[in-house]
N, C-alpha and C. Protein backbone atom coordinates (compact mmCIF):
# COMPACT_ATOMS: atom_id res chain seq x y z
N THR A 1 120.00 -70.10 113.27
CA THR A 1 119.88 -68.68 114.10
C THR A 1 120.68 -67.81 112.96
N ARG A 2 121.14 -68.24 111.99
CA ARG A 2 122.07 -66.94 111.27
C ARG A 2 120.76 -66.23 110.34
N GLY A 3 119.89 -67.28 110.14
CA GLY A 3 118.90 -66.26 109.07
C GLY A 3 118.12 -65.81 109.81
N ASN A 4 117.74 -66.32 111.10
CA ASN A 4 116.53 -65.08 112.05
C ASN A 4 117.50 -63.61 112.12
N GLY A 5 119.08 -63.53 112.63
CA GLY A 5 119.82 -62.46 112.61
C GLY A 5 120.06 -61.87 111.29
N GLU A 6 119.66 -62.19 110.23
CA GLU A 6 119.71 -61.21 108.78
C GLU A 6 118.84 -60.67 108.52
N LYS A 7 116.90 -61.59 109.29
CA LYS A 7 116.10 -60.85 108.68
C LYS A 7 115.41 -59.99 110.13
N LYS A 8 116.19 -59.92 111.37
CA LYS A 8 116.28 -58.85 112.08
C LYS A 8 116.83 -57.75 111.94
N MET A 9 117.87 -57.61 111.15
CA MET A 9 118.77 -56.82 110.23
C MET A 9 117.98 -56.23 109.18
N LEU A 10 117.35 -56.82 108.31
CA LEU A 10 116.76 -56.45 107.04
C LEU A 10 115.32 -55.41 108.04
N ARG A 11 114.89 -55.92 108.83
CA ARG A 11 113.89 -55.27 109.47
C ARG A 11 114.40 -53.96 109.92
N LEU A 12 115.14 -53.83 110.58
CA LEU A 12 115.81 -52.59 111.29
C LEU A 12 116.52 -51.98 109.90
N LEU A 13 116.96 -52.12 109.49
CA LEU A 13 117.20 -51.30 107.93
C LEU A 13 115.48 -50.82 107.35
N LYS A 14 115.05 -51.91 107.10
CA LYS A 14 113.85 -51.06 106.38
C LYS A 14 113.29 -50.21 106.92
N LYS A 15 112.94 -50.03 108.85
CA LYS A 15 112.65 -49.47 109.71
C LYS A 15 113.08 -47.79 109.42
N GLU A 16 114.65 -48.30 109.42
CA GLU A 16 115.69 -46.90 109.43
C GLU A 16 115.14 -45.82 108.26
N ALA A 17 115.21 -47.05 106.90
CA ALA A 17 115.04 -46.21 105.21
C ALA A 17 113.44 -45.55 105.63
N GLU A 18 112.41 -46.15 106.45
CA GLU A 18 110.71 -45.70 106.18
C GLU A 18 111.24 -44.45 107.55
N THR A 19 111.98 -44.26 108.40
CA THR A 19 112.10 -43.20 108.82
C THR A 19 113.08 -41.79 108.82
N ILE A 20 113.79 -42.49 107.61
CA ILE A 20 114.48 -41.20 106.86
C ILE A 20 113.46 -40.69 105.50
N TYR A 21 112.79 -41.81 105.12
CA TYR A 21 111.95 -41.28 104.04
C TYR A 21 110.89 -40.14 104.45
N ILE A 22 110.16 -40.43 105.63
CA ILE A 22 109.38 -39.65 106.56
C ILE A 22 109.82 -38.44 106.98
N SER A 23 111.16 -38.76 107.49
CA SER A 23 111.77 -37.45 107.88
C SER A 23 112.06 -36.60 106.59
N ASN A 24 112.35 -37.21 105.65
CA ASN A 24 112.74 -36.15 104.35
C ASN A 24 111.46 -35.68 103.84
N LEU A 25 110.14 -36.56 103.60
CA LEU A 25 108.97 -35.42 103.70
C LEU A 25 108.67 -34.53 104.11
N LYS A 26 108.43 -34.94 105.74
CA LYS A 26 108.58 -33.94 106.38
C LYS A 26 109.19 -32.37 106.08
N GLY A 27 110.32 -32.54 106.12
CA GLY A 27 111.29 -31.47 106.14
C GLY A 27 111.10 -30.61 104.65
N THR A 28 110.79 -31.44 103.65
CA THR A 28 110.54 -31.28 102.26
C THR A 28 109.09 -30.22 102.37
N LEU A 29 108.30 -30.71 103.39
CA LEU A 29 107.01 -29.88 103.41
C LEU A 29 107.04 -28.86 104.31
N CYS A 30 108.20 -29.07 105.36
CA CYS A 30 108.57 -27.51 106.29
C CYS A 30 109.44 -26.07 105.36
N PHE A 31 110.15 -26.83 104.62
CA PHE A 31 110.73 -26.09 103.79
C PHE A 31 110.05 -25.51 102.94
N THR A 32 109.38 -25.93 102.00
CA THR A 32 108.04 -25.54 100.91
C THR A 32 107.49 -24.78 101.52
N ALA A 33 106.74 -25.18 102.64
CA ALA A 33 105.79 -23.98 103.27
C ALA A 33 106.44 -22.74 103.74
N ILE A 34 107.55 -22.83 104.22
CA ILE A 34 108.35 -21.16 104.33
C ILE A 34 108.55 -20.70 103.40
N GLY A 35 109.13 -21.24 102.18
CA GLY A 35 109.34 -20.54 100.96
C GLY A 35 108.03 -20.04 100.82
N ILE A 36 107.30 -20.59 100.48
CA ILE A 36 105.64 -20.30 99.60
C ILE A 36 105.07 -19.12 100.74
N ILE A 37 105.80 -18.99 102.08
CA ILE A 37 105.19 -17.96 102.95
C ILE A 37 106.13 -16.80 101.98
N GLY A 38 107.47 -17.24 102.49
CA GLY A 38 108.41 -15.96 101.71
C GLY A 38 108.32 -15.30 100.42
N ASN A 39 107.61 -15.87 99.81
CA ASN A 39 107.37 -15.61 98.58
C ASN A 39 106.66 -15.05 98.20
N ILE A 40 105.44 -15.26 98.96
CA ILE A 40 104.28 -14.50 99.17
C ILE A 40 104.77 -12.89 99.40
N VAL A 41 105.41 -12.80 100.71
CA VAL A 41 105.70 -11.80 101.34
C VAL A 41 106.69 -10.99 100.11
N CYS A 42 107.55 -11.80 99.48
CA CYS A 42 107.83 -11.07 98.23
C CYS A 42 107.30 -10.43 96.87
N PHE A 43 106.12 -11.78 97.03
CA PHE A 43 105.67 -11.06 95.91
C PHE A 43 104.75 -9.70 96.00
N PHE A 44 104.30 -9.60 97.25
CA PHE A 44 103.76 -8.37 97.71
C PHE A 44 104.64 -7.07 97.82
N VAL A 45 105.89 -7.23 98.20
CA VAL A 45 106.05 -6.61 98.04
C VAL A 45 106.72 -5.69 96.95
N VAL A 46 107.26 -6.65 95.70
CA VAL A 46 107.88 -6.54 94.73
C VAL A 46 106.44 -6.31 94.14
N TYR A 47 105.49 -6.17 93.99
CA TYR A 47 104.14 -5.65 93.36
C TYR A 47 103.88 -4.42 93.83
N ARG A 48 104.09 -3.97 95.28
CA ARG A 48 103.59 -3.39 95.64
C ARG A 48 104.42 -1.65 95.51
N PHE A 49 105.62 -2.08 96.26
CA PHE A 49 106.12 -1.32 96.56
C PHE A 49 107.49 -0.91 95.60
N SER A 50 107.66 -1.86 94.36
CA SER A 50 109.12 -1.52 93.88
C SER A 50 108.51 -0.10 92.81
N LEU A 51 110.22 0.21 92.54
CA LEU A 51 109.96 1.17 91.12
C LEU A 51 109.43 0.46 89.87
N PRO A 52 108.55 1.29 89.36
CA PRO A 52 108.32 0.54 88.07
C PRO A 52 109.16 0.55 87.24
N GLN A 53 109.77 1.89 86.87
CA GLN A 53 110.87 2.30 85.73
C GLN A 53 111.92 1.19 85.37
N HIS A 54 112.42 0.24 86.87
CA HIS A 54 113.66 -0.57 86.50
C HIS A 54 113.70 -1.64 85.66
N SER A 55 114.10 -1.94 85.16
CA SER A 55 114.45 -3.61 84.34
C SER A 55 114.54 -4.22 85.71
N PHE A 56 114.81 -4.53 86.56
CA PHE A 56 115.03 -5.70 87.90
C PHE A 56 113.96 -5.46 88.48
N VAL A 57 113.20 -5.01 88.23
CA VAL A 57 112.01 -5.52 89.25
C VAL A 57 110.87 -6.15 88.33
N GLU A 58 110.62 -5.91 87.12
CA GLU A 58 110.63 -7.13 86.04
C GLU A 58 110.58 -8.47 86.46
N TYR A 59 112.12 -8.30 86.11
CA TYR A 59 112.85 -9.72 86.60
C TYR A 59 112.33 -10.26 87.98
N LEU A 60 112.11 -9.19 89.02
CA LEU A 60 111.95 -9.98 90.11
C LEU A 60 110.76 -10.23 90.45
N ARG A 61 109.99 -9.72 89.69
CA ARG A 61 108.02 -9.77 89.51
C ARG A 61 108.02 -11.66 88.82
N ALA A 62 108.52 -11.57 87.55
CA ALA A 62 108.36 -13.10 87.21
C ALA A 62 109.19 -14.05 87.98
N LEU A 63 110.76 -13.55 88.63
CA LEU A 63 110.89 -14.55 89.45
C LEU A 63 110.04 -15.30 91.08
N THR A 64 109.98 -13.83 91.61
CA THR A 64 109.11 -14.18 92.54
C THR A 64 107.71 -15.05 92.22
N MET A 65 106.85 -14.89 90.77
CA MET A 65 105.99 -15.92 90.67
C MET A 65 106.11 -17.12 90.35
N PHE A 66 107.05 -17.33 89.72
CA PHE A 66 107.61 -18.63 88.92
C PHE A 66 108.08 -19.67 90.41
N ASP A 67 108.87 -18.81 91.16
CA ASP A 67 109.28 -19.52 92.24
C ASP A 67 108.18 -20.19 93.14
N LEU A 68 107.14 -19.47 93.19
CA LEU A 68 106.03 -19.51 93.98
C LEU A 68 104.96 -20.87 93.81
N ILE A 69 105.26 -20.33 92.20
CA ILE A 69 104.51 -21.63 91.78
C ILE A 69 105.32 -23.18 91.78
N SER A 70 106.31 -23.26 91.62
CA SER A 70 107.47 -24.29 91.39
C SER A 70 107.07 -24.68 93.04
N LEU A 71 107.55 -23.99 93.97
CA LEU A 71 107.38 -24.04 95.41
C LEU A 71 105.95 -25.13 95.96
N VAL A 72 104.89 -24.38 94.98
CA VAL A 72 103.39 -24.83 95.29
C VAL A 72 103.38 -26.43 95.17
N PHE A 73 103.52 -26.87 93.61
CA PHE A 73 103.94 -27.69 92.98
C PHE A 73 104.52 -28.69 93.86
N GLU A 74 105.83 -28.33 94.14
CA GLU A 74 106.92 -29.35 95.06
C GLU A 74 105.96 -29.53 96.30
N PHE A 75 105.61 -28.77 97.10
CA PHE A 75 104.65 -28.89 98.35
C PHE A 75 103.35 -29.82 98.00
N VAL A 76 102.76 -29.92 97.02
CA VAL A 76 101.48 -30.63 96.67
C VAL A 76 102.03 -32.10 96.52
N ASP A 77 103.30 -31.96 96.06
CA ASP A 77 103.77 -33.54 95.08
C ASP A 77 104.16 -34.28 96.59
N SER A 78 104.71 -33.38 97.53
CA SER A 78 105.42 -33.97 98.79
C SER A 78 104.14 -34.05 99.37
N LEU A 79 103.45 -33.54 99.69
CA LEU A 79 101.76 -33.91 100.57
C LEU A 79 101.52 -35.13 100.28
N ASN A 80 101.52 -35.29 98.69
CA ASN A 80 100.52 -36.44 98.46
C ASN A 80 101.78 -37.68 98.59
N ASP A 81 102.82 -37.28 98.51
CA ASP A 81 103.23 -38.53 98.92
C ASP A 81 103.93 -39.08 100.20
N LEU A 82 103.41 -37.83 101.23
CA LEU A 82 103.35 -38.33 102.62
C LEU A 82 101.94 -38.94 102.92
N PHE A 83 100.62 -38.42 102.08
CA PHE A 83 99.43 -39.52 102.23
C PHE A 83 99.78 -40.72 101.56
N HIS A 84 100.26 -40.54 100.66
CA HIS A 84 100.30 -42.09 100.06
C HIS A 84 100.97 -42.84 101.06
N TYR A 85 101.92 -42.42 101.65
CA TYR A 85 102.94 -43.22 102.24
C TYR A 85 102.35 -43.74 103.77
N GLN A 86 101.72 -42.71 104.55
CA GLN A 86 101.04 -43.32 105.90
C GLN A 86 99.48 -43.34 105.88
N PHE A 87 98.91 -43.05 104.58
CA PHE A 87 97.31 -43.14 104.76
C PHE A 87 97.22 -44.33 103.50
N GLN A 88 97.54 -43.85 102.67
CA GLN A 88 97.07 -44.86 101.72
C GLN A 88 96.46 -44.19 100.45
N LYS A 89 96.43 -42.73 100.44
CA LYS A 89 95.55 -42.12 99.87
C LYS A 89 96.62 -40.96 99.31
N ASN A 90 95.55 -40.93 98.10
CA ASN A 90 96.14 -39.63 97.13
C ASN A 90 95.62 -39.08 96.93
N VAL A 91 96.69 -37.24 97.26
CA VAL A 91 95.97 -36.15 97.41
C VAL A 91 95.51 -35.92 95.56
N LEU A 92 96.81 -36.09 94.81
CA LEU A 92 96.68 -36.25 93.40
C LEU A 92 96.04 -37.33 92.30
N THR A 93 94.60 -37.67 92.89
CA THR A 93 93.92 -38.55 92.24
C THR A 93 92.92 -37.91 91.21
N VAL A 94 93.73 -38.73 90.17
CA VAL A 94 93.13 -38.07 88.74
C VAL A 94 93.29 -39.14 87.79
N PRO A 95 91.96 -39.02 87.22
CA PRO A 95 91.69 -40.34 86.20
C PRO A 95 92.46 -40.76 85.11
N SER A 96 92.90 -38.99 84.74
CA SER A 96 93.20 -38.84 83.42
C SER A 96 94.60 -38.51 83.05
N SER A 97 95.86 -39.65 82.03
CA SER A 97 96.97 -39.63 82.14
C SER A 97 97.39 -38.25 81.67
N ILE A 98 96.71 -37.16 80.92
CA ILE A 98 96.76 -36.18 79.92
C ILE A 98 97.01 -35.08 81.15
N VAL A 99 96.05 -35.00 82.29
CA VAL A 99 96.53 -34.31 83.18
C VAL A 99 97.66 -34.45 84.00
N CYS A 100 98.18 -35.42 84.50
CA CYS A 100 99.66 -36.35 84.73
C CYS A 100 100.28 -35.37 84.15
N LYS A 101 100.46 -35.66 82.37
CA LYS A 101 101.04 -35.00 81.67
C LYS A 101 101.51 -33.55 81.84
N CYS A 102 100.60 -33.07 82.23
CA CYS A 102 100.24 -31.45 82.00
C CYS A 102 101.02 -31.13 83.79
N TRP A 103 100.75 -31.63 84.51
CA TRP A 103 101.24 -31.64 85.61
C TRP A 103 102.56 -31.27 85.72
N GLU A 104 102.96 -32.56 85.42
CA GLU A 104 104.68 -32.56 85.12
C GLU A 104 105.26 -31.91 84.07
N TYR A 105 104.25 -31.54 82.86
CA TYR A 105 105.10 -30.63 81.77
C TYR A 105 104.87 -29.05 82.56
N LEU A 106 104.17 -28.82 83.21
CA LEU A 106 104.32 -27.16 83.80
C LEU A 106 104.99 -27.24 84.55
N GLN A 107 105.81 -28.33 85.56
CA GLN A 107 106.39 -28.56 86.64
C GLN A 107 107.70 -28.29 85.96
N HIS A 108 108.12 -28.74 85.14
CA HIS A 108 109.55 -28.96 84.28
C HIS A 108 109.48 -27.40 83.56
N VAL A 109 108.61 -26.61 83.50
CA VAL A 109 108.41 -25.44 82.34
C VAL A 109 108.84 -24.47 83.59
N VAL A 110 108.42 -24.34 84.78
CA VAL A 110 107.92 -23.43 85.59
C VAL A 110 109.99 -23.33 86.60
N ILE A 111 109.88 -24.71 86.36
CA ILE A 111 111.71 -24.79 87.15
C ILE A 111 112.66 -24.35 85.98
N LEU A 112 112.46 -24.35 84.63
CA LEU A 112 113.30 -23.86 83.77
C LEU A 112 113.27 -22.44 83.86
N LEU A 113 111.81 -21.85 84.11
CA LEU A 113 111.88 -20.55 83.48
C LEU A 113 112.20 -19.45 84.79
N ALA A 114 112.31 -20.53 86.65
CA ALA A 114 112.64 -19.69 87.89
C ALA A 114 114.59 -19.71 87.10
N CYS A 115 114.76 -20.70 86.91
CA CYS A 115 116.66 -20.79 86.55
C CYS A 115 116.59 -19.52 85.53
N TRP A 116 116.34 -19.41 84.29
CA TRP A 116 116.41 -18.56 82.90
C TRP A 116 116.17 -16.89 83.71
N ILE A 117 115.27 -16.97 84.72
CA ILE A 117 114.69 -15.33 85.15
C ILE A 117 115.92 -14.70 85.71
N MET A 118 116.40 -15.61 86.47
CA MET A 118 117.98 -15.49 86.80
C MET A 118 118.74 -14.93 86.35
N VAL A 119 118.90 -15.88 84.99
CA VAL A 119 120.22 -15.29 84.45
C VAL A 119 120.27 -14.26 83.31
N GLY A 120 119.16 -13.86 83.36
CA GLY A 120 118.19 -13.16 82.85
C GLY A 120 118.21 -11.29 83.65
N LEU A 121 117.96 -11.52 84.99
CA LEU A 121 118.56 -10.84 85.77
C LEU A 121 119.86 -10.25 86.17
N THR A 122 120.60 -11.59 86.54
CA THR A 122 121.77 -11.28 85.94
C THR A 122 122.86 -10.38 85.27
N PHE A 123 122.25 -10.72 84.03
CA PHE A 123 122.97 -10.67 82.97
C PHE A 123 122.18 -8.68 82.52
N ASP A 124 121.51 -8.33 83.14
CA ASP A 124 120.71 -6.93 83.02
C ASP A 124 121.09 -6.21 84.31
N ARG A 125 121.83 -6.94 85.02
CA ARG A 125 122.55 -5.99 86.51
C ARG A 125 124.02 -5.97 85.65
N LEU A 126 124.60 -6.97 84.96
CA LEU A 126 125.86 -6.92 84.32
C LEU A 126 125.97 -5.68 83.70
N ILE A 127 125.18 -6.02 82.61
CA ILE A 127 124.86 -5.07 81.55
C ILE A 127 125.37 -3.50 82.21
N LEU A 128 123.91 -3.03 83.10
CA LEU A 128 123.67 -1.81 83.79
C LEU A 128 124.82 -1.25 84.74
N VAL A 129 125.59 -2.10 85.06
CA VAL A 129 126.25 -1.85 86.53
C VAL A 129 127.60 -1.77 85.71
N CYS A 130 127.81 -2.45 85.11
CA CYS A 130 129.28 -2.62 84.66
C CYS A 130 129.57 -1.91 83.23
N ASP A 131 128.67 -1.64 82.41
CA ASP A 131 128.36 -1.04 81.44
C ASP A 131 129.67 -1.37 80.37
N PRO A 132 130.21 -3.02 80.01
CA PRO A 132 131.12 -2.99 79.26
C PRO A 132 131.60 -2.64 78.12
N TRP A 133 130.45 -2.14 77.51
CA TRP A 133 130.14 -1.70 76.22
C TRP A 133 130.69 0.06 75.63
N SER A 134 130.35 1.15 77.21
CA SER A 134 130.29 2.18 77.25
C SER A 134 131.15 2.96 76.19
N LYS A 135 132.34 2.50 75.94
CA LYS A 135 133.37 3.02 74.75
C LYS A 135 132.77 2.98 73.44
N LYS A 136 132.36 2.06 72.85
CA LYS A 136 131.91 1.53 71.92
C LYS A 136 130.89 2.44 71.55
N TRP A 137 129.72 1.95 72.85
CA TRP A 137 128.55 2.54 71.89
C TRP A 137 127.88 3.53 73.51
N PRO A 138 127.84 4.41 73.60
CA PRO A 138 127.60 4.88 74.47
C PRO A 138 125.93 5.10 74.92
N ASN A 139 125.46 4.91 75.97
CA ASN A 139 123.99 4.60 76.21
C ASN A 139 123.28 3.56 75.85
N LEU A 140 124.57 2.41 75.43
CA LEU A 140 123.73 0.72 74.95
C LEU A 140 122.95 0.43 76.04
N SER A 141 123.49 0.52 77.39
CA SER A 141 122.93 0.08 78.43
C SER A 141 121.72 0.86 78.90
N ARG A 142 121.41 1.82 79.12
CA ARG A 142 120.53 2.48 79.12
C ARG A 142 119.26 1.97 78.30
N ARG A 143 119.72 1.89 76.64
CA ARG A 143 118.41 1.22 75.40
C ARG A 143 118.24 -0.53 76.36
N ILE A 144 119.09 -0.97 76.44
CA ILE A 144 118.89 -2.13 76.67
C ILE A 144 118.10 -2.80 78.50
N CYS A 145 118.53 -2.57 79.09
CA CYS A 145 117.89 -2.39 80.39
C CYS A 145 116.92 -1.59 80.87
N ASN A 146 115.67 -1.72 79.85
CA ASN A 146 114.54 -0.73 80.39
C ASN A 146 113.38 -2.10 80.79
N CYS A 147 112.63 -1.60 81.08
CA CYS A 147 110.87 -2.41 81.51
C CYS A 147 110.46 -3.15 79.85
N GLN A 148 110.50 -2.41 79.03
CA GLN A 148 109.95 -3.45 77.87
C GLN A 148 110.67 -4.13 77.22
N THR A 149 112.26 -4.15 77.41
CA THR A 149 113.04 -5.21 76.70
C THR A 149 113.00 -6.37 78.04
N ALA A 150 113.02 -5.95 79.46
CA ALA A 150 112.81 -7.05 80.24
C ALA A 150 111.35 -7.75 80.28
N ARG A 151 110.70 -7.34 79.90
CA ARG A 151 109.42 -7.92 79.68
C ARG A 151 109.43 -8.54 78.49
N LEU A 152 109.69 -8.19 77.65
CA LEU A 152 110.48 -8.82 75.78
C LEU A 152 110.91 -9.96 76.25
N ILE A 153 112.18 -10.09 76.72
CA ILE A 153 112.68 -11.49 77.55
C ILE A 153 112.23 -12.13 78.28
N ILE A 154 111.37 -11.50 79.18
CA ILE A 154 110.71 -12.66 79.95
C ILE A 154 109.90 -13.72 78.96
N LYS A 155 109.00 -12.85 78.43
CA LYS A 155 108.15 -13.92 77.29
C LYS A 155 108.69 -14.58 76.32
N VAL A 156 109.81 -14.27 75.98
CA VAL A 156 110.25 -14.72 75.00
C VAL A 156 110.88 -16.40 75.63
N LEU A 157 111.05 -16.05 77.04
CA LEU A 157 111.85 -17.64 78.02
C LEU A 157 110.86 -18.06 78.18
N ILE A 158 109.39 -17.60 78.71
CA ILE A 158 108.03 -18.10 78.61
C ILE A 158 107.67 -19.17 77.40
N LEU A 159 108.16 -18.21 76.65
CA LEU A 159 107.89 -19.21 75.24
C LEU A 159 108.94 -20.66 74.57
N ILE A 160 110.47 -20.04 75.12
CA ILE A 160 111.20 -20.88 74.84
C ILE A 160 111.17 -22.46 75.68
N SER A 161 111.30 -21.82 76.58
CA SER A 161 110.85 -22.30 77.77
C SER A 161 109.71 -23.77 77.63
N LEU A 162 108.11 -23.39 77.30
CA LEU A 162 106.92 -24.15 76.97
C LEU A 162 107.56 -24.90 75.35
N ILE A 163 108.45 -24.64 74.91
CA ILE A 163 108.60 -25.28 73.40
C ILE A 163 109.60 -26.00 73.97
N ILE A 164 110.61 -25.66 74.69
CA ILE A 164 111.81 -26.66 74.76
C ILE A 164 111.20 -28.41 75.97
N ASN A 165 109.94 -27.83 76.38
CA ASN A 165 109.59 -28.87 77.74
C ASN A 165 108.59 -30.00 76.45
N ILE A 166 108.25 -29.52 75.48
CA ILE A 166 106.76 -30.38 74.79
C ILE A 166 107.21 -31.86 74.42
N PRO A 167 108.66 -32.14 74.23
CA PRO A 167 108.90 -33.42 74.32
C PRO A 167 108.32 -34.16 76.14
N HIS A 168 108.10 -34.31 76.92
CA HIS A 168 107.91 -34.36 78.18
C HIS A 168 105.99 -34.83 77.90
N LEU A 169 106.00 -34.07 76.94
CA LEU A 169 104.43 -34.63 76.99
C LEU A 169 104.15 -35.75 76.07
N PHE A 170 105.07 -35.88 75.34
CA PHE A 170 104.93 -37.10 74.36
C PHE A 170 105.66 -38.41 74.50
N TYR A 171 107.07 -37.79 74.77
CA TYR A 171 107.86 -38.72 74.99
C TYR A 171 108.32 -40.01 76.25
N GLN A 172 107.65 -39.19 77.43
CA GLN A 172 107.62 -40.06 78.44
C GLN A 172 106.66 -40.61 79.32
N GLN A 173 106.53 -41.40 79.92
CA GLN A 173 105.10 -42.04 80.45
C GLN A 173 105.24 -41.95 81.30
N TRP A 174 103.89 -40.88 82.25
CA TRP A 174 104.22 -41.03 83.61
C TRP A 174 102.80 -41.41 84.01
N VAL A 175 102.74 -42.09 85.13
CA VAL A 175 101.37 -42.07 85.76
C VAL A 175 100.99 -41.90 87.31
N CYS A 176 99.90 -41.48 86.82
CA CYS A 176 99.50 -40.57 88.49
C CYS A 176 99.93 -41.22 89.46
N ARG A 177 100.73 -40.97 90.95
CA ARG A 177 100.38 -41.51 91.70
C ARG A 177 99.45 -41.98 92.87
């Protein structure tokens, strides 16, 4: 009878783990869907109604775009996991491993970009609002915190993120789910 009790306990634990797993997937899908809707709204607000002469607008535009892309990646991955678990079907059925590697590579690039765009925005606001070098270099904040500099910094961050994540293409083995 002890063996039967252990088997029952294992079945209960497995059932509980499955319930937690499905709840986690559904919660992730729900929150990413809400995030996607929110980012689409932000995207249109920032692109349509923002003042184009301010540098922070450029950072916000890039941030909404990269956040939206990362949420779409997460939504598709979670949807794929849910379909695989419940129906044994994959949304991401890709015969080529290079496509899988590119998918994962772009996920890493976009997530890294979203983080560093936020850092760029923070430094832009720090320099403009606090103006820590105003006594040594007057008007430095106006020369640094402009749209051209913001676009240049965003382009450099994109390039750096693409380069930093290149090893993911070569040194990590991914198998499409």
